[in-house]
Amino acid sequence: MRVIIVDDEHIARTRISNLIKKLDGVEVLAECGNGQLAIKAINDLQPDLVFLDINIRDMDGFQVLEQIQTKPYIVFITAHEDFALKAFEYEAFDYLVKPFSEERFYKTVNKVLKLEESEHLKKIAIKQGHKTFLIPTEEINYILASGVYVEIYTDKGKYVHRETLNHLEQQLNPQYFVRVHRSAIVNITAVKELVHSEYSGVDARMKDGVLVSVSKTQKKIFLSKIK
């Protein structure tokens, strides 16, 4: 799971970052000390979870939410209890009042992790002839769009499925699957190497040797997940 921390106090950001470092499968993408930096980081990196202070230097946390283009889980962190009702009007996942305990913090993070796991597709049912194959999503290396179909590539072979790439992208776990351009999704665990091309371009070489192009618009998100 990918996290961004927004707090104008360096000590507060450091504490949250250190708590997250103790967890497996959770990484901090960015730490932001003001609202403008937070808006840019959230829109560019598309985290799964944001810890958001309400009182930050240049704007409040609610103004940040009004300017982001993605919908991560939001956990408000503040020294004041007064904003709790408003926070949940903004569909906050949780509301932590400083100083919060480690136990309280980890309880919130674990709830998000469980939701992330339950919301994502575990298997894809693909009908071919008189058979239906159930393909575990962790076995998928990459998916390519092909007209009204998608081609799903695994170590066992290729499967053709009548589905849109957009719909699959919404169902797959974003911790592992990333849309690298409008016609391809890759499983970052199946990327063998990065191939740098002209004009700062990047291609992903997959386990089977196939090169999948990464668009300029998706490059930053892809590289943040592959590191």
C-alpha atoms as a PDB file:
ATOM      1  CA  MET A   1       0.000   0.000   0.000  1.00  0.00           C
ATOM      2  CA  ARG A   2       1.284   3.461  -0.930  1.00  0.00           C
ATOM      3  CA  VAL A   3       1.040   6.367   1.495  1.00  0.00           C
ATOM      4  CA  ILE A   4       1.484  10.152   1.445  1.00  0.00           C
ATOM      5  CA  ILE A   5       1.905  12.132   4.679  1.00  0.00           C
ATOM      6  CA  VAL A   6       0.720  15.758   4.834  1.00  0.00           C
ATOM      7  CA  ASP A   7       1.602  17.766   7.940  1.00  0.00           C
ATOM      8  CA  ASP A   8       3.343  21.116   8.354  1.00  0.00           C
ATOM      9  CA  GLU A   9       5.221  19.829  11.419  1.00  0.00           C
ATOM     10  CA  HIS A  10       8.390  17.934  10.517  1.00  0.00           C
ATOM     11  CA  ILE A  11       8.333  16.006  13.808  1.00  0.00           C
ATOM     12  CA  ALA A  12       4.782  14.787  13.126  1.00  0.00           C
ATOM     13  CA  ARG A  13       5.674  13.663   9.583  1.00  0.00           C
ATOM     14  CA  THR A  14       8.757  11.845  10.839  1.00  0.00           C
ATOM     15  CA  ARG A  15       6.824  10.001  13.529  1.00  0.00           C
ATOM     16  CA  ILE A  16       4.220   8.713  11.075  1.00  0.00           C
ATOM     17  CA  SER A  17       6.920   7.766   8.577  1.00  0.00           C
ATOM     18  CA  ASN A  18       8.831   5.811  11.235  1.00  0.00           C
ATOM     19  CA  LEU A  19       5.676   3.961  12.284  1.00  0.00           C
ATOM     20  CA  ILE A  20       4.974   3.003   8.675  1.00  0.00           C
ATOM     21  CA  LYS A  21       8.526   1.707   8.185  1.00  0.00           C
ATOM     22  CA  LYS A  22       7.737  -1.050  10.696  1.00  0.00           C
ATOM     23  CA  LEU A  23       5.003  -2.424   8.420  1.00  0.00           C
ATOM     24  CA  ASP A  24       5.473  -4.868   5.548  1.00  0.00           C
ATOM     25  CA  GLY A  25       3.866  -3.938   2.251  1.00  0.00           C
ATOM     26  CA  VAL A  26       3.397  -0.259   3.117  1.00  0.00           C
ATOM     27  CA  GLU A  27       5.617   2.510   1.732  1.00  0.00           C
ATOM     28  CA  VAL A  28       5.744   6.280   2.053  1.00  0.00           C
ATOM     29  CA  LEU A  29       5.706   7.917  -1.380  1.00  0.00           C
ATOM     30  CA  ALA A  30       6.049  11.507  -0.193  1.00  0.00           C
ATOM     31  CA  GLU A  31       6.013  13.767   2.843  1.00  0.00           C
ATOM     32  CA  CYS A  32       4.452  17.192   2.274  1.00  0.00           C
ATOM     33  CA  GLY A  33       4.701  20.249   4.511  1.00  0.00           C
ATOM     34  CA  ASN A  34       2.051  22.379   2.803  1.00  0.00           C
ATOM     35  CA  GLY A  35      -1.151  22.093   0.804  1.00  0.00           C
ATOM     36  CA  GLN A  36       0.199  22.911  -2.647  1.00  0.00           C
ATOM     37  CA  LEU A  37       2.889  20.241  -2.394  1.00  0.00           C
ATOM     38  CA  ALA A  38       0.273  17.796  -1.137  1.00  0.00           C
ATOM     39  CA  ILE A  39      -2.115  18.418  -4.043  1.00  0.00           C
ATOM     40  CA  LYS A  40       0.658  17.907  -6.593  1.00  0.00           C
ATOM     41  CA  ALA A  41       2.002  14.768  -4.891  1.00  0.00           C
ATOM     42  CA  ILE A  42      -1.434  13.166  -4.537  1.00  0.00           C
ATOM     43  CA  ASN A  43      -2.429  13.909  -8.139  1.00  0.00           C
ATOM     44  CA  ASP A  44       0.941  12.791  -9.549  1.00  0.00           C
ATOM     45  CA  LEU A  45       1.572   9.685  -7.431  1.00  0.00           C
ATOM     46  CA  GLN A  46      -2.011   8.494  -6.760  1.00  0.00           C
ATOM     47  CA  PRO A  47      -1.496   6.971  -3.298  1.00  0.00           C
ATOM     48  CA  ASP A  48      -3.817   4.464  -1.669  1.00  0.00           C
ATOM     49  CA  LEU A  49      -3.840   6.270   1.680  1.00  0.00           C
ATOM     50  CA  VAL A  50      -3.198   9.871   2.777  1.00  0.00           C
ATOM     51  CA  PHE A  51      -2.549  11.014   6.341  1.00  0.00           C
ATOM     52  CA  LEU A  52      -3.762  14.610   6.203  1.00  0.00           C
ATOM     53  CA  ASP A  53      -3.357  17.290   8.859  1.00  0.00           C
ATOM     54  CA  ILE A  54      -6.270  19.708   8.952  1.00  0.00           C
ATOM     55  CA  ASN A  55      -4.284  22.803   9.928  1.00  0.00           C
ATOM     56  CA  ILE A  56      -1.447  23.224   7.430  1.00  0.00           C
ATOM     57  CA  ARG A  57       0.389  26.371   6.408  1.00  0.00           C
ATOM     58  CA  ASP A  58      -1.193  27.619   3.205  1.00  0.00           C
ATOM     59  CA  MET A  59      -4.644  25.991   3.355  1.00  0.00           C
ATOM     60  CA  ASP A  60      -6.614  23.513   5.409  1.00  0.00           C
ATOM     61  CA  GLY A  61      -6.921  19.802   4.739  1.00  0.00           C
ATOM     62  CA  PHE A  62     -10.447  20.172   3.391  1.00  0.00           C
ATOM     63  CA  GLN A  63      -9.225  22.563   0.694  1.00  0.00           C
ATOM     64  CA  VAL A  64      -6.619  19.977  -0.289  1.00  0.00           C
ATOM     65  CA  LEU A  65      -9.333  17.353  -0.764  1.00  0.00           C
ATOM     66  CA  GLU A  66     -11.331  19.708  -2.967  1.00  0.00           C
ATOM     67  CA  GLN A  67      -8.414  19.987  -5.396  1.00  0.00           C
ATOM     68  CA  ILE A  68      -7.267  16.395  -5.798  1.00  0.00           C
ATOM     69  CA  GLN A  69      -8.318  14.278  -8.765  1.00  0.00           C
ATOM     70  CA  THR A  70      -8.079  10.846  -7.161  1.00  0.00           C
ATOM     71  CA  LYS A  71      -9.876   9.243  -4.201  1.00  0.00           C
ATOM     72  CA  PRO A  72      -7.449   7.640  -1.757  1.00  0.00           C
ATOM     73  CA  TYR A  73      -8.418   6.663   1.767  1.00  0.00           C
ATOM     74  CA  ILE A  74      -8.115   9.798   3.917  1.00  0.00           C
ATOM     75  CA  VAL A  75      -7.106   9.705   7.578  1.00  0.00           C
ATOM     76  CA  PHE A  76      -7.217  13.152   9.154  1.00  0.00           C
ATOM     77  CA  ILE A  77      -4.639  13.922  11.837  1.00  0.00           C
ATOM     78  CA  THR A  78      -5.154  16.969  14.050  1.00  0.00           C
ATOM     79  CA  ALA A  79      -4.729  18.314  17.549  1.00  0.00           C
ATOM     80  CA  HIS A  80      -8.398  19.357  17.624  1.00  0.00           C
ATOM     81  CA  GLU A  81     -11.525  17.237  17.986  1.00  0.00           C
ATOM     82  CA  ASP A  82     -13.774  20.026  16.683  1.00  0.00           C
ATOM     83  CA  PHE A  83     -13.431  19.074  13.016  1.00  0.00           C
ATOM     84  CA  ALA A  84     -14.479  15.424  13.345  1.00  0.00           C
ATOM     85  CA  LEU A  85     -18.007  15.895  11.986  1.00  0.00           C
ATOM     86  CA  LYS A  86     -16.790  17.914   9.005  1.00  0.00           C
ATOM     87  CA  ALA A  87     -14.062  15.329   8.336  1.00  0.00           C
ATOM     88  CA  PHE A  88     -16.597  12.553   7.952  1.00  0.00           C
ATOM     89  CA  GLU A  89     -18.727  14.779   5.721  1.00  0.00           C
ATOM     90  CA  TYR A  90     -15.677  14.663   3.431  1.00  0.00           C
ATOM     91  CA  GLU A  91     -15.832  10.851   3.618  1.00  0.00           C
ATOM     92  CA  ALA A  92     -12.743  10.494   5.791  1.00  0.00           C
ATOM     93  CA  PHE A  93     -11.808   6.924   6.627  1.00  0.00           C
ATOM     94  CA  ASP A  94     -10.670   7.855  10.128  1.00  0.00           C
ATOM     95  CA  TYR A  95      -9.814  10.790  12.372  1.00  0.00           C
ATOM     96  CA  LEU A  96      -6.767  10.663  14.655  1.00  0.00           C
ATOM     97  CA  VAL A  97      -6.396  13.239  17.414  1.00  0.00           C
ATOM     98  CA  LYS A  98      -2.811  14.122  18.347  1.00  0.00           C
ATOM     99  CA  PRO A  99      -1.111  12.764  20.304  1.00  0.00           C
ATOM    100  CA  PHE A 100      -2.347   9.335  19.218  1.00  0.00           C
ATOM    101  CA  SER A 101      -0.900   6.026  20.392  1.00  0.00           C
ATOM    102  CA  GLU A 102       0.967   3.555  18.191  1.00  0.00           C
ATOM    103  CA  GLU A 103      -1.800   1.035  18.856  1.00  0.00           C
ATOM    104  CA  ARG A 104      -4.446   3.460  17.578  1.00  0.00           C
ATOM    105  CA  PHE A 105      -2.363   4.274  14.504  1.00  0.00           C
ATOM    106  CA  TYR A 106      -1.749   0.643  13.549  1.00  0.00           C
ATOM    107  CA  LYS A 107      -5.410  -0.225  14.100  1.00  0.00           C
ATOM    108  CA  THR A 108      -6.351   2.333  11.449  1.00  0.00           C
ATOM    109  CA  VAL A 109      -3.685   1.217   8.970  1.00  0.00           C
ATOM    110  CA  ASN A 110      -4.627  -2.451   9.355  1.00  0.00           C
ATOM    111  CA  LYS A 111      -8.274  -1.634   8.660  1.00  0.00           C
ATOM    112  CA  VAL A 112      -7.261   0.046   5.402  1.00  0.00           C
ATOM    113  CA  LEU A 113      -5.044  -2.903   4.469  1.00  0.00           C
ATOM    114  CA  LYS A 114      -7.909  -5.348   4.997  1.00  0.00           C
ATOM    115  CA  LEU A 115     -10.238  -3.223   2.875  1.00  0.00           C
ATOM    116  CA  GLU A 116      -7.628  -2.952   0.126  1.00  0.00           C
ATOM    117  CA  GLU A 117      -7.255  -6.720   0.071  1.00  0.00           C
ATOM    118  CA  SER A 118     -10.992  -7.473   0.071  1.00  0.00           C
ATOM    119  CA  GLU A 119     -11.882  -4.940  -2.634  1.00  0.00           C
ATOM    120  CA  HIS A 120      -9.582  -6.281  -5.311  1.00  0.00           C
ATOM    121  CA  LEU A 121     -10.174  -9.044  -7.788  1.00  0.00           C
ATOM    122  CA  LYS A 122      -8.636 -12.396  -6.804  1.00  0.00           C
ATOM    123  CA  LYS A 123      -9.398 -14.406  -9.958  1.00  0.00           C
ATOM    124  CA  ILE A 124     -10.559 -13.684 -13.494  1.00  0.00           C
ATOM    125  CA  ALA A 125     -13.017 -16.112 -15.081  1.00  0.00           C
ATOM    126  CA  ILE A 126     -12.207 -16.541 -18.781  1.00  0.00           C
ATOM    127  CA  LYS A 127     -14.484 -18.589 -20.997  1.00  0.00           C
ATOM    128  CA  GLN A 128     -12.821 -20.358 -23.915  1.00  0.00           C
ATOM    129  CA  GLY A 129     -14.963 -22.785 -25.857  1.00  0.00           C
ATOM    130  CA  HIS A 130     -16.749 -25.111 -23.436  1.00  0.00           C
ATOM    131  CA  LYS A 131     -14.318 -24.379 -20.610  1.00  0.00           C
ATOM    132  CA  THR A 132     -13.999 -21.556 -18.105  1.00  0.00           C
ATOM    133  CA  PHE A 133     -10.511 -20.880 -16.765  1.00  0.00           C
ATOM    134  CA  LEU A 134     -10.102 -19.229 -13.370  1.00  0.00           C
ATOM    135  CA  ILE A 135      -6.875 -17.229 -13.542  1.00  0.00           C
ATOM    136  CA  PRO A 136      -5.478 -15.998 -10.194  1.00  0.00           C
ATOM    137  CA  THR A 137      -4.589 -12.336 -10.619  1.00  0.00           C
ATOM    138  CA  GLU A 138      -1.153 -12.841  -9.054  1.00  0.00           C
ATOM    139  CA  GLU A 139      -0.293 -15.091 -12.025  1.00  0.00           C
ATOM    140  CA  ILE A 140      -0.963 -12.296 -14.538  1.00  0.00           C
ATOM    141  CA  ASN A 141       2.203 -10.710 -15.939  1.00  0.00           C
ATOM    142  CA  TYR A 142       0.621  -8.075 -18.172  1.00  0.00           C
ATOM    143  CA  ILE A 143      -2.575  -7.259 -20.053  1.00  0.00           C
ATOM    144  CA  LEU A 144      -2.861  -5.702 -23.513  1.00  0.00           C
ATOM    145  CA  ALA A 145      -5.946  -4.151 -25.099  1.00  0.00           C
ATOM    146  CA  SER A 146      -7.070  -5.679 -28.392  1.00  0.00           C
ATOM    147  CA  GLY A 147     -10.228  -4.069 -29.746  1.00  0.00           C
ATOM    148  CA  VAL A 148     -13.193  -5.103 -27.590  1.00  0.00           C
ATOM    149  CA  TYR A 149     -11.035  -7.788 -25.968  1.00  0.00           C
ATOM    150  CA  VAL A 150      -7.976  -7.910 -23.741  1.00  0.00           C
ATOM    151  CA  GLU A 151      -5.062 -10.325 -24.003  1.00  0.00           C
ATOM    152  CA  ILE A 152      -3.979 -11.608 -20.598  1.00  0.00           C
ATOM    153  CA  TYR A 153      -0.427 -12.966 -20.434  1.00  0.00           C
ATOM    154  CA  THR A 154       0.708 -15.428 -17.765  1.00  0.00           C
ATOM    155  CA  ASP A 155       3.598 -17.877 -17.430  1.00  0.00           C
ATOM    156  CA  LYS A 156       1.223 -20.575 -18.732  1.00  0.00           C
ATOM    157  CA  GLY A 157       0.222 -18.693 -21.869  1.00  0.00           C
ATOM    158  CA  LYS A 158      -2.107 -16.078 -23.318  1.00  0.00           C
ATOM    159  CA  TYR A 159      -5.839 -15.816 -22.628  1.00  0.00           C
ATOM    160  CA  VAL A 160      -8.273 -13.675 -24.623  1.00  0.00           C
ATOM    161  CA  HIS A 161     -11.065 -12.139 -22.571  1.00  0.00           C
ATOM    162  CA  ARG A 162     -13.999  -9.922 -23.574  1.00  0.00           C
ATOM    163  CA  GLU A 163     -13.459  -7.054 -21.165  1.00  0.00           C
ATOM    164  CA  THR A 164     -12.226  -3.472 -21.169  1.00  0.00           C
ATOM    165  CA  LEU A 165      -8.853  -2.441 -19.827  1.00  0.00           C
ATOM    166  CA  ASN A 166     -10.511   0.371 -17.866  1.00  0.00           C
ATOM    167  CA  HIS A 167     -12.766  -2.043 -15.989  1.00  0.00           C
ATOM    168  CA  LEU A 168      -9.922  -4.425 -15.175  1.00  0.00           C
ATOM    169  CA  GLU A 169      -7.762  -1.552 -13.957  1.00  0.00           C
ATOM    170  CA  GLN A 170     -10.454  -0.628 -11.429  1.00  0.00           C
ATOM    171  CA  GLN A 171     -10.641  -4.207 -10.133  1.00  0.00           C
ATOM    172  CA  LEU A 172      -6.952  -5.119  -9.920  1.00  0.00           C
ATOM    173  CA  ASN A 173      -4.810  -4.330  -6.898  1.00  0.00           C
ATOM    174  CA  PRO A 174      -2.974  -1.044  -7.651  1.00  0.00           C
ATOM    175  CA  GLN A 175      -0.156  -2.096  -5.349  1.00  0.00           C
ATOM    176  CA  TYR A 176       0.947  -4.537  -8.064  1.00  0.00           C
ATOM    177  CA  PHE A 177      -0.839  -3.565 -11.281  1.00  0.00           C
ATOM    178  CA  VAL A 178      -0.195  -0.268 -13.039  1.00  0.00           C
ATOM    179  CA  ARG A 179      -1.597   1.187 -16.248  1.00  0.00           C
ATOM    180  CA  VAL A 180       1.523   2.076 -18.240  1.00  0.00           C
ATOM    181  CA  HIS A 181      -0.341   3.471 -21.231  1.00  0.00           C
ATOM    182  CA  ARG A 182      -3.850   3.401 -22.641  1.00  0.00           C
ATOM    183  CA  SER A 183      -3.409  -0.098 -24.078  1.00  0.00           C
ATOM    184  CA  ALA A 184      -1.452  -1.917 -21.365  1.00  0.00           C
ATOM    185  CA  ILE A 185      -1.425  -2.867 -17.692  1.00  0.00           C
ATOM    186  CA  VAL A 186       1.632  -4.536 -16.156  1.00  0.00           C
ATOM    187  CA  ASN A 187       2.195  -6.473 -12.961  1.00  0.00           C
ATOM    188  CA  ILE A 188       5.252  -4.793 -11.459  1.00  0.00           C
ATOM    189  CA  THR A 189       6.406  -8.109  -9.971  1.00  0.00           C
ATOM    190  CA  ALA A 190       6.727  -9.464 -13.527  1.00  0.00           C
ATOM    191  CA  VAL A 191       8.933  -6.624 -14.774  1.00  0.00           C
ATOM    192  CA  LYS A 192      12.411  -8.028 -15.417  1.00  0.00           C
ATOM    193  CA  GLU A 193      14.197  -4.779 -16.268  1.00  0.00           C
ATOM    194  CA  LEU A 194      13.723  -1.194 -17.380  1.00  0.00           C
ATOM    195  CA  VAL A 195      14.927  -0.214 -20.832  1.00  0.00           C
ATOM    196  CA  HIS A 196      15.703   3.475 -21.266  1.00  0.00           C
ATOM    197  CA  SER A 197      15.026   4.775 -24.760  1.00  0.00           C
ATOM    198  CA  GLU A 198      15.549   8.128 -26.473  1.00  0.00           C
ATOM    199  CA  TYR A 199      14.190  11.383 -25.043  1.00  0.00           C
ATOM    200  CA  SER A 200      13.997   9.983 -21.477  1.00  0.00           C
ATOM    201  CA  GLY A 201      11.530   7.275 -22.493  1.00  0.00           C
ATOM    202  CA  VAL A 202      11.163   4.009 -20.561  1.00  0.00           C
ATOM    203  CA  ASP A 203      10.027   0.530 -21.599  1.00  0.00           C
ATOM    204  CA  ALA A 204       9.295  -2.365 -19.260  1.00  0.00           C
ATOM    205  CA  ARG A 205      10.852  -5.684 -20.240  1.00  0.00           C
ATOM    206  CA  MET A 206       8.606  -8.422 -18.926  1.00  0.00           C
ATOM    207  CA  LYS A 207       9.518 -11.939 -17.773  1.00  0.00           C
ATOM    208  CA  ASP A 208       8.842 -13.361 -21.236  1.00  0.00           C
ATOM    209  CA  GLY A 209      11.115 -10.779 -22.886  1.00  0.00           C
ATOM    210  CA  VAL A 210       8.311  -8.635 -24.310  1.00  0.00           C
ATOM    211  CA  LEU A 211       8.865  -4.872 -24.176  1.00  0.00           C
ATOM    212  CA  VAL A 212       5.871  -2.861 -22.998  1.00  0.00           C
ATOM    213  CA  SER A 213       6.034   0.891 -23.592  1.00  0.00           C
ATOM    214  CA  VAL A 214       5.472   3.282 -20.706  1.00  0.00           C
ATOM    215  CA  SER A 215       3.793   6.543 -21.704  1.00  0.00           C
ATOM    216  CA  LYS A 216       5.192   9.885 -20.573  1.00  0.00           C
ATOM    217  CA  THR A 217       2.045  10.591 -18.559  1.00  0.00           C
ATOM    218  CA  GLN A 218       2.308   7.288 -16.650  1.00  0.00           C
ATOM    219  CA  LYS A 219       6.087   7.188 -16.285  1.00  0.00           C
ATOM    220  CA  LYS A 220       6.236   8.883 -12.884  1.00  0.00           C
ATOM    221  CA  ILE A 221       3.559   6.657 -11.344  1.00  0.00           C
ATOM    222  CA  PHE A 222       5.129   3.519 -12.835  1.00  0.00           C
ATOM    223  CA  LEU A 223       8.628   4.342 -11.562  1.00  0.00           C
ATOM    224  CA  SER A 224       7.295   5.148  -8.091  1.00  0.00           C
ATOM    225  CA  LYS A 225       5.776   1.666  -7.878  1.00  0.00           C
ATOM    226  CA  ILE A 226       8.651  -0.237  -9.435  1.00  0.00           C
ATOM    227  CA  LYS A 227      11.344   1.083  -7.099  1.00  0.00           C
END
